[in-house]
Amino acid sequence: VWLEHELDTFEARLASRQKAEGWFLTDRFSCGYGDL
């Protein structure tokens, strides 16, 4: 849960910085899910 919390915090900050430059984030996804 703590790792997920830290990742969500990182992603929120990243989204804010990137949006200021005109970029939008997709959902986060990882190796080992689906056919990746």
Full PDB file with SEQRES, HELIX, SHEET, SSBOND, CRYST1, ORIGX, SCALE, CONECT and MASTER records, all heavy atoms in Angstrom:
SEQRES   1 A   36  VAL TRP LEU GLU HIS GLU LEU ASP THR PHE GLU ALA ARG          
SEQRES   2 A   36  LEU ALA SER ARG GLN LYS ALA GLU GLY TRP PHE LEU THR          
SEQRES   3 A   36  ASP ARG PHE SER CYS GLY TYR GLY ASP LEU                      
HELIX    1 AA1 TRP A    2  ALA A   20  1                                  19    
CRYST1    1.000    1.000    1.000  90.00  90.00  90.00 P 1           1          
ORIGX1      1.000000  0.000000  0.000000        0.00000                         
ORIGX2      0.000000  1.000000  0.000000        0.00000                         
ORIGX3      0.000000  0.000000  1.000000        0.00000                         
SCALE1      1.000000  0.000000  0.000000        0.00000                         
SCALE2      0.000000  1.000000  0.000000        0.00000                         
SCALE3      0.000000  0.000000  1.000000        0.00000                         
ATOM      1  N   VAL A   1       0.830  -1.203   0.000  1.00  0.00           N  
ATOM      2  CA  VAL A   1       0.000   0.000   0.000  1.00  0.00           C  
ATOM      3  C   VAL A   1       0.870   1.260   0.000  1.00  0.00           C  
ATOM      4  O   VAL A   1       0.566   2.237  -0.689  1.00  0.00           O  
ATOM      5  CB  VAL A   1      -0.964  -0.011   1.200  1.00  0.00           C  
ATOM      6  CG1 VAL A   1      -1.662   1.326   1.363  1.00  0.00           C  
ATOM      7  CG2 VAL A   1      -1.996  -1.129   1.037  1.00  0.00           C  
ATOM      8  N   TRP A   2       1.970   1.231   0.759  1.00  0.00           N  
ATOM      9  CA  TRP A   2       2.848   2.403   0.795  1.00  0.00           C  
ATOM     10  C   TRP A   2       3.510   2.640  -0.562  1.00  0.00           C  
ATOM     11  O   TRP A   2       3.598   3.786  -1.027  1.00  0.00           O  
ATOM     12  CB  TRP A   2       3.915   2.242   1.875  1.00  0.00           C  
ATOM     13  CG  TRP A   2       4.665   3.520   2.110  1.00  0.00           C  
ATOM     14  CD1 TRP A   2       5.844   3.912   1.542  1.00  0.00           C  
ATOM     15  CD2 TRP A   2       4.246   4.606   2.946  1.00  0.00           C  
ATOM     16  NE1 TRP A   2       6.203   5.171   1.981  1.00  0.00           N  
ATOM     17  CE2 TRP A   2       5.235   5.617   2.844  1.00  0.00           C  
ATOM     18  CE3 TRP A   2       3.145   4.814   3.774  1.00  0.00           C  
ATOM     19  CZ2 TRP A   2       5.148   6.817   3.544  1.00  0.00           C  
ATOM     20  CZ3 TRP A   2       3.063   6.018   4.468  1.00  0.00           C  
ATOM     21  CH2 TRP A   2       4.048   6.998   4.346  1.00  0.00           C  
ATOM     22  N   LEU A   3       3.958   1.571  -1.207  1.00  0.00           N  
ATOM     23  CA  LEU A   3       4.567   1.706  -2.532  1.00  0.00           C  
ATOM     24  C   LEU A   3       3.560   2.281  -3.527  1.00  0.00           C  
ATOM     25  O   LEU A   3       3.882   3.177  -4.322  1.00  0.00           O  
ATOM     26  CB  LEU A   3       5.079   0.344  -3.010  1.00  0.00           C  
ATOM     27  CG  LEU A   3       5.742   0.305  -4.397  1.00  0.00           C  
ATOM     28  CD1 LEU A   3       6.927   1.259  -4.470  1.00  0.00           C  
ATOM     29  CD2 LEU A   3       6.175  -1.118  -4.739  1.00  0.00           C  
ATOM     30  N   GLU A   4       2.328   1.796  -3.473  1.00  0.00           N  
ATOM     31  CA  GLU A   4       1.284   2.304  -4.368  1.00  0.00           C  
ATOM     32  C   GLU A   4       1.019   3.787  -4.093  1.00  0.00           C  
ATOM     33  O   GLU A   4       0.831   4.581  -5.026  1.00  0.00           O  
ATOM     34  CB  GLU A   4       0.009   1.484  -4.178  1.00  0.00           C  
ATOM     35  CG  GLU A   4      -1.059   1.743  -5.208  1.00  0.00           C  
ATOM     36  CD  GLU A   4      -0.718   1.158  -6.581  1.00  0.00           C  
ATOM     37  OE1 GLU A   4       0.274   0.428  -6.711  1.00  0.00           O  
ATOM     38  OE2 GLU A   4      -1.454   1.475  -7.533  1.00  0.00           O  
ATOM     39  N   HIS A   5       1.005   4.156  -2.816  1.00  0.00           N  
ATOM     40  CA  HIS A   5       0.808   5.559  -2.429  1.00  0.00           C  
ATOM     41  C   HIS A   5       1.917   6.447  -2.991  1.00  0.00           C  
ATOM     42  O   HIS A   5       1.650   7.535  -3.536  1.00  0.00           O  
ATOM     43  CB  HIS A   5       0.767   5.657  -0.901  1.00  0.00           C  
ATOM     44  CG  HIS A   5       0.975   7.036  -0.357  1.00  0.00           C  
ATOM     45  ND1 HIS A   5       0.021   8.020  -0.420  1.00  0.00           N  
ATOM     46  CD2 HIS A   5       2.056   7.602   0.256  1.00  0.00           C  
ATOM     47  CE1 HIS A   5       0.482   9.127   0.127  1.00  0.00           C  
ATOM     48  NE2 HIS A   5       1.711   8.901   0.537  1.00  0.00           N  
ATOM     49  N   GLU A   6       3.155   5.992  -2.877  1.00  0.00           N  
ATOM     50  CA  GLU A   6       4.281   6.780  -3.382  1.00  0.00           C  
ATOM     51  C   GLU A   6       4.233   6.901  -4.909  1.00  0.00           C  
ATOM     52  O   GLU A   6       4.530   7.977  -5.468  1.00  0.00           O  
ATOM     53  CB  GLU A   6       5.602   6.133  -2.955  1.00  0.00           C  
ATOM     54  CG  GLU A   6       5.878   6.191  -1.459  1.00  0.00           C  
ATOM     55  CD  GLU A   6       6.349   7.555  -1.002  1.00  0.00           C  
ATOM     56  OE1 GLU A   6       6.267   8.539  -1.778  1.00  0.00           O  
ATOM     57  OE2 GLU A   6       6.809   7.671   0.149  1.00  0.00           O  
ATOM     58  N   LEU A   7       3.858   5.835  -5.583  1.00  0.00           N  
ATOM     59  CA  LEU A   7       3.736   5.884  -7.039  1.00  0.00           C  
ATOM     60  C   LEU A   7       2.623   6.831  -7.478  1.00  0.00           C  
ATOM     61  O   LEU A   7       2.782   7.584  -8.447  1.00  0.00           O  
ATOM     62  CB  LEU A   7       3.479   4.483  -7.592  1.00  0.00           C  
ATOM     63  CG  LEU A   7       4.682   3.534  -7.581  1.00  0.00           C  
ATOM     64  CD1 LEU A   7       4.222   2.102  -7.856  1.00  0.00           C  
ATOM     65  CD2 LEU A   7       5.729   3.963  -8.592  1.00  0.00           C  
ATOM     66  N   ASP A   8       1.500   6.789  -6.777  1.00  0.00           N  
ATOM     67  CA  ASP A   8       0.395   7.694  -7.102  1.00  0.00           C  
ATOM     68  C   ASP A   8       0.807   9.153  -6.889  1.00  0.00           C  
ATOM     69  O   ASP A   8       0.433  10.035  -7.670  1.00  0.00           O  
ATOM     70  CB  ASP A   8      -0.828   7.368  -6.244  1.00  0.00           C  
ATOM     71  CG  ASP A   8      -1.515   6.082  -6.659  1.00  0.00           C  
ATOM     72  OD1 ASP A   8      -1.239   5.572  -7.768  1.00  0.00           O  
ATOM     73  OD2 ASP A   8      -2.327   5.563  -5.863  1.00  0.00           O  
ATOM     74  N   THR A   9       1.574   9.400  -5.821  1.00  0.00           N  
ATOM     75  CA  THR A   9       2.054  10.755  -5.542  1.00  0.00           C  
ATOM     76  C   THR A   9       2.991  11.227  -6.648  1.00  0.00           C  
ATOM     77  O   THR A   9       2.882  12.368  -7.143  1.00  0.00           O  
ATOM     78  CB  THR A   9       2.781  10.802  -4.186  1.00  0.00           C  
ATOM     79  OG1 THR A   9       1.874  10.405  -3.146  1.00  0.00           O  
ATOM     80  CG2 THR A   9       3.302  12.208  -3.894  1.00  0.00           C  
ATOM     81  N   PHE A  10       3.917  10.355  -7.042  1.00  0.00           N  
ATOM     82  CA  PHE A  10       4.824  10.678  -8.145  1.00  0.00           C  
ATOM     83  C   PHE A  10       4.040  10.972  -9.420  1.00  0.00           C  
ATOM     84  O   PHE A  10       4.316  11.955 -10.130  1.00  0.00           O  
ATOM     85  CB  PHE A  10       5.793   9.515  -8.388  1.00  0.00           C  
ATOM     86  CG  PHE A  10       6.472   9.567  -9.726  1.00  0.00           C  
ATOM     87  CD1 PHE A  10       7.565  10.398  -9.941  1.00  0.00           C  
ATOM     88  CD2 PHE A  10       5.997   8.800 -10.788  1.00  0.00           C  
ATOM     89  CE1 PHE A  10       8.178  10.465 -11.189  1.00  0.00           C  
ATOM     90  CE2 PHE A  10       6.614   8.859 -12.041  1.00  0.00           C  
ATOM     91  CZ  PHE A  10       7.706   9.687 -12.236  1.00  0.00           C  
ATOM     92  N   GLU A  11       3.062  10.124  -9.726  1.00  0.00           N  
ATOM     93  CA  GLU A  11       2.301  10.277 -10.960  1.00  0.00           C  
ATOM     94  C   GLU A  11       1.500  11.584 -10.969  1.00  0.00           C  
ATOM     95  O   GLU A  11       1.394  12.251 -12.003  1.00  0.00           O  
ATOM     96  CB  GLU A  11       1.374   9.085 -11.146  1.00  0.00           C  
ATOM     97  CG  GLU A  11       0.692   9.049 -12.501  1.00  0.00           C  
ATOM     98  CD  GLU A  11      -0.106   7.782 -12.721  1.00  0.00           C  
ATOM     99  OE1 GLU A  11       0.173   6.767 -12.052  1.00  0.00           O  
ATOM    100  OE2 GLU A  11      -1.021   7.802 -13.573  1.00  0.00           O  
ATOM    101  N   ALA A  12       0.940  11.954  -9.818  1.00  0.00           N  
ATOM    102  CA  ALA A  12       0.178  13.202  -9.736  1.00  0.00           C  
ATOM    103  C   ALA A  12       1.079  14.415  -9.999  1.00  0.00           C  
ATOM    104  O   ALA A  12       0.691  15.357 -10.706  1.00  0.00           O  
ATOM    105  CB  ALA A  12      -0.482  13.320  -8.366  1.00  0.00           C  
ATOM    106  N   ARG A  13       2.281  14.386  -9.441  1.00  0.00           N  
ATOM    107  CA  ARG A  13       3.217  15.489  -9.666  1.00  0.00           C  
ATOM    108  C   ARG A  13       3.675  15.534 -11.123  1.00  0.00           C  
ATOM    109  O   ARG A  13       3.781  16.605 -11.722  1.00  0.00           O  
ATOM    110  CB  ARG A  13       4.423  15.331  -8.731  1.00  0.00           C  
ATOM    111  CG  ARG A  13       4.086  15.564  -7.261  1.00  0.00           C  
ATOM    112  CD  ARG A  13       5.241  15.189  -6.366  1.00  0.00           C  
ATOM    113  NE  ARG A  13       4.940  15.434  -4.959  1.00  0.00           N  
ATOM    114  CZ  ARG A  13       5.644  14.945  -3.949  1.00  0.00           C  
ATOM    115  NH1 ARG A  13       6.713  14.190  -4.194  1.00  0.00           N  
ATOM    116  NH2 ARG A  13       5.308  15.207  -2.706  1.00  0.00           N  
ATOM    117  N   LEU A  14       3.934  14.349 -11.686  1.00  0.00           N  
ATOM    118  CA  LEU A  14       4.335  14.273 -13.081  1.00  0.00           C  
ATOM    119  C   LEU A  14       3.230  14.814 -13.985  1.00  0.00           C  
ATOM    120  O   LEU A  14       3.493  15.576 -14.931  1.00  0.00           O  
ATOM    121  CB  LEU A  14       4.654  12.824 -13.448  1.00  0.00           C  
ATOM    122  CG  LEU A  14       5.043  12.547 -14.910  1.00  0.00           C  
ATOM    123  CD1 LEU A  14       6.405  13.175 -15.217  1.00  0.00           C  
ATOM    124  CD2 LEU A  14       5.067  11.047 -15.180  1.00  0.00           C  
ATOM    125  N   ALA A  15       1.985  14.423 -13.709  1.00  0.00           N  
ATOM    126  CA  ALA A  15       0.854  14.873 -14.515  1.00  0.00           C  
ATOM    127  C   ALA A  15       0.738  16.394 -14.486  1.00  0.00           C  
ATOM    128  O   ALA A  15       0.465  17.033 -15.511  1.00  0.00           O  
ATOM    129  CB  ALA A  15      -0.437  14.231 -14.010  1.00  0.00           C  
ATOM    130  N   SER A  16       0.951  16.980 -13.322  1.00  0.00           N  
ATOM    131  CA  SER A  16       0.855  18.439 -13.189  1.00  0.00           C  
ATOM    132  C   SER A  16       1.931  19.132 -14.024  1.00  0.00           C  
ATOM    133  O   SER A  16       1.645  20.108 -14.730  1.00  0.00           O  
ATOM    134  CB  SER A  16       0.993  18.824 -11.713  1.00  0.00           C  
ATOM    135  OG  SER A  16       0.933  20.223 -11.555  1.00  0.00           O  
ATOM    136  N   ARG A  17       3.166  18.619 -13.945  1.00  0.00           N  
ATOM    137  CA  ARG A  17       4.255  19.229 -14.714  1.00  0.00           C  
ATOM    138  C   ARG A  17       4.036  19.067 -16.216  1.00  0.00           C  
ATOM    139  O   ARG A  17       4.248  20.005 -16.986  1.00  0.00           O  
ATOM    140  CB  ARG A  17       5.595  18.596 -14.313  1.00  0.00           C  
ATOM    141  CG  ARG A  17       6.050  18.912 -12.900  1.00  0.00           C  
ATOM    142  CD  ARG A  17       7.517  18.595 -12.718  1.00  0.00           C  
ATOM    143  NE  ARG A  17       7.826  17.200 -12.989  1.00  0.00           N  
ATOM    144  CZ  ARG A  17       7.818  16.232 -12.087  1.00  0.00           C  
ATOM    145  NH1 ARG A  17       7.485  16.517 -10.829  1.00  0.00           N  
ATOM    146  NH2 ARG A  17       8.132  14.998 -12.403  1.00  0.00           N  
ATOM    147  N   GLN A  18       3.624  17.859 -16.624  1.00  0.00           N  
ATOM    148  CA  GLN A  18       3.458  17.604 -18.049  1.00  0.00           C  
ATOM    149  C   GLN A  18       2.269  18.368 -18.630  1.00  0.00           C  
ATOM    150  O   GLN A  18       2.316  18.830 -19.774  1.00  0.00           O  
ATOM    151  CB  GLN A  18       3.293  16.100 -18.292  1.00  0.00           C  
ATOM    152  CG  GLN A  18       4.548  15.285 -18.005  1.00  0.00           C  
ATOM    153  CD  GLN A  18       5.710  15.656 -18.893  1.00  0.00           C  
ATOM    154  OE1 GLN A  18       5.546  15.954 -20.073  1.00  0.00           O  
ATOM    155  NE2 GLN A  18       6.910  15.655 -18.318  1.00  0.00           N  
ATOM    156  N   LYS A  19       1.206  18.511 -17.857  1.00  0.00           N  
ATOM    157  CA  LYS A  19       0.038  19.247 -18.343  1.00  0.00           C  
ATOM    158  C   LYS A  19       0.393  20.696 -18.632  1.00  0.00           C  
ATOM    159  O   LYS A  19      -0.122  21.298 -19.587  1.00  0.00           O  
ATOM    160  CB  LYS A  19      -1.098  19.169 -17.328  1.00  0.00           C  
ATOM    161  CG  LYS A  19      -2.408  19.738 -17.858  1.00  0.00           C  
ATOM    162  CD  LYS A  19      -3.550  19.512 -16.879  1.00  0.00           C  
ATOM    163  CE  LYS A  19      -4.870  20.032 -17.451  1.00  0.00           C  
ATOM    164  NZ  LYS A  19      -6.012  19.811 -16.519  1.00  0.00           N  
ATOM    165  N   ALA A  20       1.285  21.254 -17.828  1.00  0.00           N  
ATOM    166  CA  ALA A  20       1.716  22.635 -18.053  1.00  0.00           C  
ATOM    167  C   ALA A  20       2.435  22.786 -19.388  1.00  0.00           C  
ATOM    168  O   ALA A  20       2.514  23.885 -19.942  1.00  0.00           O  
ATOM    169  CB  ALA A  20       2.628  23.087 -16.911  1.00  0.00           C  
ATOM    170  N   GLU A  21       2.948  21.677 -19.922  1.00  0.00           N  
ATOM    171  CA  GLU A  21       3.645  21.680 -21.206  1.00  0.00           C  
ATOM    172  C   GLU A  21       2.781  21.109 -22.328  1.00  0.00           C  
ATOM    173  O   GLU A  21       3.269  20.860 -23.436  1.00  0.00           O  
ATOM    174  CB  GLU A  21       4.954  20.902 -21.094  1.00  0.00           C  
ATOM    175  CG  GLU A  21       5.922  21.498 -20.071  1.00  0.00           C  
ATOM    176  CD  GLU A  21       7.186  20.665 -19.915  1.00  0.00           C  
ATOM    177  OE1 GLU A  21       7.381  19.731 -20.729  1.00  0.00           O  
ATOM    178  OE2 GLU A  21       7.964  20.944 -18.996  1.00  0.00           O  
ATOM    179  N   GLY A  22       1.503  20.852 -22.018  1.00  0.00           N  
ATOM    180  CA  GLY A  22       0.586  20.393 -23.051  1.00  0.00           C  
ATOM    181  C   GLY A  22       0.530  18.886 -23.245  1.00  0.00           C  
ATOM    182  O   GLY A  22       0.039  18.417 -24.272  1.00  0.00           O  
ATOM    183  N   TRP A  23       1.001  18.108 -22.241  1.00  0.00           N  
ATOM    184  CA  TRP A  23       0.984  16.655 -22.349  1.00  0.00           C  
ATOM    185  C   TRP A  23      -0.023  16.063 -21.363  1.00  0.00           C  
ATOM    186  O   TRP A  23      -0.219  16.592 -20.266  1.00  0.00           O  
ATOM    187  CB  TRP A  23       2.366  16.068 -22.055  1.00  0.00           C  
ATOM    188  CG  TRP A  23       3.419  16.451 -23.032  1.00  0.00           C  
ATOM    189  CD1 TRP A  23       4.326  17.471 -22.899  1.00  0.00           C  
ATOM    190  CD2 TRP A  23       3.683  15.857 -24.295  1.00  0.00           C  
ATOM    191  NE1 TRP A  23       5.134  17.536 -23.996  1.00  0.00           N  
ATOM    192  CE2 TRP A  23       4.769  16.548 -24.877  1.00  0.00           C  
ATOM    193  CE3 TRP A  23       3.099  14.790 -25.002  1.00  0.00           C  
ATOM    194  CZ2 TRP A  23       5.297  16.224 -26.117  1.00  0.00           C  
ATOM    195  CZ3 TRP A  23       3.631  14.468 -26.247  1.00  0.00           C  
ATOM    196  CH2 TRP A  23       4.709  15.174 -26.792  1.00  0.00           C  
ATOM    197  N   PHE A  24      -0.631  14.950 -21.757  1.00  0.00           N  
ATOM    198  CA  PHE A  24      -1.591  14.240 -20.907  1.00  0.00           C  
ATOM    199  C   PHE A  24      -1.112  12.803 -20.696  1.00  0.00           C  
ATOM    200  O   PHE A  24      -0.569  12.179 -21.615  1.00  0.00           O  
ATOM    201  CB  PHE A  24      -2.978  14.240 -21.556  1.00  0.00           C  
ATOM    202  CG  PHE A  24      -3.558  15.610 -21.741  1.00  0.00           C  
ATOM    203  CD1 PHE A  24      -3.315  16.336 -22.911  1.00  0.00           C  
ATOM    204  CD2 PHE A  24      -4.324  16.192 -20.744  1.00  0.00           C  
ATOM    205  CE1 PHE A  24      -3.840  17.606 -23.083  1.00  0.00           C  
ATOM    206  CE2 PHE A  24      -4.851  17.470 -20.901  1.00  0.00           C  
ATOM    207  CZ  PHE A  24      -4.615  18.181 -22.071  1.00  0.00           C  
ATOM    208  N   LEU A  25      -1.330  12.289 -19.491  1.00  0.00           N  
ATOM    209  CA  LEU A  25      -0.851  10.966 -19.129  1.00  0.00           C  
ATOM    210  C   LEU A  25      -1.905   9.892 -19.383  1.00  0.00           C  
ATOM    211  O   LEU A  25      -3.095  10.116 -19.142  1.00  0.00           O  
ATOM    212  CB  LEU A  25      -0.469  10.910 -17.646  1.00  0.00           C  
ATOM    213  CG  LEU A  25       0.944  11.355 -17.252  1.00  0.00           C  
ATOM    214  CD1 LEU A  25       1.193  12.811 -17.633  1.00  0.00           C  
ATOM    215  CD2 LEU A  25       1.173  11.137 -15.762  1.00  0.00           C  
ATOM    216  N   THR A  26      -1.445   8.720 -19.818  1.00  0.00           N  
ATOM    217  CA  THR A  26      -2.305   7.541 -19.849  1.00  0.00           C  
ATOM    218  C   THR A  26      -2.314   6.911 -18.464  1.00  0.00           C  
ATOM    219  O   THR A  26      -1.589   7.345 -17.557  1.00  0.00           O  
ATOM    220  CB  THR A  26      -1.789   6.483 -20.844  1.00  0.00           C  
ATOM    221  OG1 THR A  26      -0.539   5.942 -20.351  1.00  0.00           O  
ATOM    222  CG2 THR A  26      -1.582   7.067 -22.224  1.00  0.00           C  
ATOM    223  N   ASP A  27      -3.115   5.874 -18.293  1.00  0.00           N  
ATOM    224  CA  ASP A  27      -3.026   5.064 -17.087  1.00  0.00           C  
ATOM    225  C   ASP A  27      -1.623   4.452 -16.991  1.00  0.00           C  
ATOM    226  O   ASP A  27      -0.966   4.213 -18.007  1.00  0.00           O  
ATOM    227  CB  ASP A  27      -4.048   3.926 -17.126  1.00  0.00           C  
ATOM    228  CG  ASP A  27      -5.477   4.430 -17.049  1.00  0.00           C  
ATOM    229  OD1 ASP A  27      -5.711   5.468 -16.406  1.00  0.00           O  
ATOM    230  OD2 ASP A  27      -6.350   3.783 -17.640  1.00  0.00           O  
ATOM    231  N   ARG A  28      -1.200   4.189 -15.778  1.00  0.00           N  
ATOM    232  CA  ARG A  28       0.065   3.490 -15.536  1.00  0.00           C  
ATOM    233  C   ARG A  28      -0.148   1.991 -15.749  1.00  0.00           C  
ATOM    234  O   ARG A  28      -1.145   1.438 -15.305  1.00  0.00           O  
ATOM    235  CB  ARG A  28       0.490   3.766 -14.088  1.00  0.00           C  
ATOM    236  CG  ARG A  28       1.871   3.272 -13.719  1.00  0.00           C  
ATOM    237  CD  ARG A  28       2.241   3.761 -12.325  1.00  0.00           C  
ATOM    238  NE  ARG A  28       1.528   3.090 -11.256  1.00  0.00           N  
ATOM    239  CZ  ARG A  28       0.871   3.699 -10.274  1.00  0.00           C  
ATOM    240  NH1 ARG A  28       0.778   5.015 -10.236  1.00  0.00           N  
ATOM    241  NH2 ARG A  28       0.263   3.008  -9.326  1.00  0.00           N  
ATOM    242  N   PHE A  29       0.779   1.346 -16.445  1.00  0.00           N  
ATOM    243  CA  PHE A  29       0.654  -0.104 -16.623  1.00  0.00           C  
ATOM    244  C   PHE A  29       2.033  -0.741 -16.567  1.00  0.00           C  
ATOM    245  O   PHE A  29       3.056  -0.063 -16.717  1.00  0.00           O  
ATOM    246  CB  PHE A  29      -0.075  -0.449 -17.920  1.00  0.00           C  
ATOM    247  CG  PHE A  29       0.615  -0.026 -19.198  1.00  0.00           C  
ATOM    248  CD1 PHE A  29       1.276  -0.948 -19.989  1.00  0.00           C  
ATOM    249  CD2 PHE A  29       0.578   1.305 -19.616  1.00  0.00           C  
ATOM    250  CE1 PHE A  29       1.897  -0.555 -21.168  1.00  0.00           C  
ATOM    251  CE2 PHE A  29       1.189   1.707 -20.804  1.00  0.00           C  
ATOM    252  CZ  PHE A  29       1.859   0.770 -21.579  1.00  0.00           C  
ATOM    253  N   SER A  30       2.067  -2.055 -16.369  1.00  0.00           N  
ATOM    254  CA  SER A  30       3.325  -2.730 -16.055  1.00  0.00           C  
ATOM    255  C   SER A  30       3.531  -4.000 -16.865  1.00  0.00           C  
ATOM    256  O   SER A  30       2.579  -4.574 -17.406  1.00  0.00           O  
ATOM    257  CB  SER A  30       3.371  -3.074 -14.557  1.00  0.00           C  
ATOM    258  OG  SER A  30       3.374  -1.912 -13.766  1.00  0.00           O  
ATOM    259  N   CYS A  31       4.783  -4.431 -16.912  1.00  0.00           N  
ATOM    260  CA  CYS A  31       5.125  -5.703 -17.538  1.00  0.00           C  
ATOM    261  C   CYS A  31       4.441  -6.850 -16.788  1.00  0.00           C  
ATOM    262  O   CYS A  31       4.275  -6.797 -15.571  1.00  0.00           O  
ATOM    263  CB  CYS A  31       6.636  -5.929 -17.498  1.00  0.00           C  
ATOM    264  SG  CYS A  31       7.609  -4.636 -18.281  1.00  0.00           S  
ATOM    265  N   GLY A  32       4.054  -7.867 -17.525  1.00  0.00           N  
ATOM    266  CA  GLY A  32       3.433  -9.026 -16.903  1.00  0.00           C  
ATOM    267  C   GLY A  32       1.924  -8.976 -16.888  1.00  0.00           C  
ATOM    268  O   GLY A  32       1.271  -9.893 -16.397  1.00  0.00           O  
ATOM    269  N   TYR A  33       1.360  -7.902 -17.407  1.00  0.00           N  
ATOM    270  CA  TYR A  33      -0.096  -7.810 -17.484  1.00  0.00           C  
ATOM    271  C   TYR A  33      -0.518  -7.740 -18.940  1.00  0.00           C  
ATOM    272  O   TYR A  33       0.134  -7.118 -19.760  1.00  0.00           O  
ATOM    273  CB  TYR A  33      -0.617  -6.586 -16.722  1.00  0.00           C  
ATOM    274  CG  TYR A  33      -2.101  -6.698 -16.427  1.00  0.00           C  
ATOM    275  CD1 TYR A  33      -2.545  -7.377 -15.301  1.00  0.00           C  
ATOM    276  CD2 TYR A  33      -3.037  -6.154 -17.285  1.00  0.00           C  
ATOM    277  CE1 TYR A  33      -3.901  -7.492 -15.033  1.00  0.00           C  
ATOM    278  CE2 TYR A  33      -4.392  -6.273 -17.025  1.00  0.00           C  
ATOM    279  CZ  TYR A  33      -4.815  -6.944 -15.897  1.00  0.00           C  
ATOM    280  OH  TYR A  33      -6.156  -7.061 -15.641  1.00  0.00           O  
ATOM    281  N   GLY A  34      -1.635  -8.404 -19.257  1.00  0.00           N  
ATOM    282  CA  GLY A  34      -2.038  -8.500 -20.647  1.00  0.00           C  
ATOM    283  C   GLY A  34      -0.988  -9.287 -21.413  1.00  0.00           C  
ATOM    284  O   GLY A  34      -0.453 -10.272 -20.915  1.00  0.00           O  
ATOM    285  N   ASP A  35      -0.643  -8.834 -22.606  1.00  0.00           N  
ATOM    286  CA  ASP A  35       0.356  -9.541 -23.395  1.00  0.00           C  
ATOM    287  C   ASP A  35       1.709  -8.822 -23.395  1.00  0.00           C  
ATOM    288  O   ASP A  35       2.558  -9.075 -24.259  1.00  0.00           O  
ATOM    289  CB  ASP A  35      -0.136  -9.756 -24.832  1.00  0.00           C  
ATOM    290  CG  ASP A  35      -0.446  -8.444 -25.563  1.00  0.00           C  
ATOM    291  OD1 ASP A  35      -0.319  -7.373 -24.933  1.00  0.00           O  
ATOM    292  OD2 ASP A  35      -0.820  -8.512 -26.736  1.00  0.00           O  
ATOM    293  N   LEU A  36       1.905  -7.935 -22.415  1.00  0.00           N  
ATOM    294  CA  LEU A  36       3.211  -7.302 -22.259  1.00  0.00           C  
ATOM    295  C   LEU A  36       4.065  -8.219 -21.385  1.00  0.00           C  
ATOM    296  O   LEU A  36       3.780  -8.405 -20.204  1.00  0.00           O  
ATOM    297  CB  LEU A  36       3.077  -5.923 -21.603  1.00  0.00           C  
ATOM    298  CG  LEU A  36       4.320  -5.041 -21.625  1.00  0.00           C  
ATOM    299  CD1 LEU A  36       4.715  -4.685 -23.068  1.00  0.00           C  
ATOM    300  CD2 LEU A  36       4.087  -3.764 -20.825  1.00  0.00           C  
TER     301      LEU A  36                                                      
MASTER        0    0    0    1    0    0    0    6  300    1    0    3          
END                                                                             
